[in-house]
Amino acid sequence: MDKVDQTTGAVELGSKPFLQFRNYHFNYFAIKGLQARIQLYAGDKTEALKAAEIIIASKK
């Protein structure tokens, strides 16, 4: 893996740049969970339930 310069933010990408930033990617279920949380916070309980039920139905 190549290195990231913490002072300037410069990134040297290697042969697999996706692996360099894999900590910043959300999968489908993480997005649905975040969507449910945001909608619940905004007071939209029906849409929050729909997003949460997708996760519950997946059984993962």
Protein backbone atom coordinates (compact mmCIF):
# COMPACT_ATOMS: atom_id res chain seq x y z
CA MET A 1 0.00 0.00 0.00
CA ASP A 2 1.14 3.47 -0.72
CA LYS A 3 1.24 6.19 1.88
CA VAL A 4 -0.93 9.19 2.66
CA ASP A 5 0.84 12.39 3.67
CA GLN A 6 -1.10 13.56 6.74
CA THR A 7 0.21 17.13 6.54
CA THR A 8 -0.82 17.95 2.97
CA GLY A 9 -3.44 15.29 2.33
CA ALA A 10 -1.62 14.10 -0.77
CA VAL A 11 -2.37 10.50 -1.65
CA GLU A 12 -0.19 8.22 -3.70
CA LEU A 13 -2.48 5.60 -5.21
CA GLY A 14 -1.20 2.12 -5.79
CA SER A 15 -2.41 -0.48 -8.22
CA LYS A 16 -5.72 -0.89 -6.32
CA PRO A 17 -6.98 2.59 -5.35
CA PHE A 18 -10.31 1.16 -4.14
CA LEU A 19 -8.52 -0.60 -1.29
CA GLN A 20 -6.89 2.67 -0.27
CA PHE A 21 -10.25 4.25 0.59
CA ARG A 22 -12.30 1.21 1.61
CA ASN A 23 -12.97 2.67 5.07
CA TYR A 24 -15.04 5.44 3.47
CA HIS A 25 -17.52 3.23 1.61
CA PHE A 26 -20.98 2.27 2.85
CA ASN A 27 -22.76 -0.85 1.72
CA TYR A 28 -26.46 -0.94 0.87
CA PHE A 29 -27.60 -1.87 4.37
CA ALA A 30 -25.47 0.80 6.03
CA ILE A 31 -27.08 3.38 3.76
CA LYS A 32 -30.58 2.12 4.58
CA GLY A 33 -29.78 2.22 8.30
CA LEU A 34 -28.47 5.76 8.03
CA GLN A 35 -31.50 6.73 5.98
CA ALA A 36 -33.82 5.31 8.64
CA ARG A 37 -31.97 7.14 11.40
CA ILE A 38 -32.05 10.47 9.56
CA GLN A 39 -35.74 10.15 8.73
CA LEU A 40 -36.55 9.23 12.31
CA TYR A 41 -34.60 12.27 13.51
CA ALA A 42 -36.52 14.44 11.05
CA GLY A 43 -39.80 13.10 12.42
CA ASP A 44 -40.84 11.07 9.37
CA LYS A 45 -41.60 7.80 11.16
CA THR A 46 -43.35 6.06 8.26
CA GLU A 47 -40.39 6.46 5.88
CA ALA A 48 -37.97 5.54 8.66
CA LEU A 49 -39.92 2.33 9.24
CA LYS A 50 -39.84 1.49 5.52
CA ALA A 51 -36.06 1.85 5.42
CA ALA A 52 -35.64 -0.16 8.62
CA GLU A 53 -37.93 -2.94 7.40
CA ILE A 54 -35.69 -3.47 4.37
CA ILE A 55 -32.83 -4.24 6.73
CA ILE A 56 -34.97 -6.44 8.97
CA ALA A 57 -36.34 -8.38 6.00
CA SER A 58 -32.84 -9.09 4.68
CA LYS A 59 -31.99 -11.15 7.80
CA LYS A 60 -28.33 -10.12 7.65
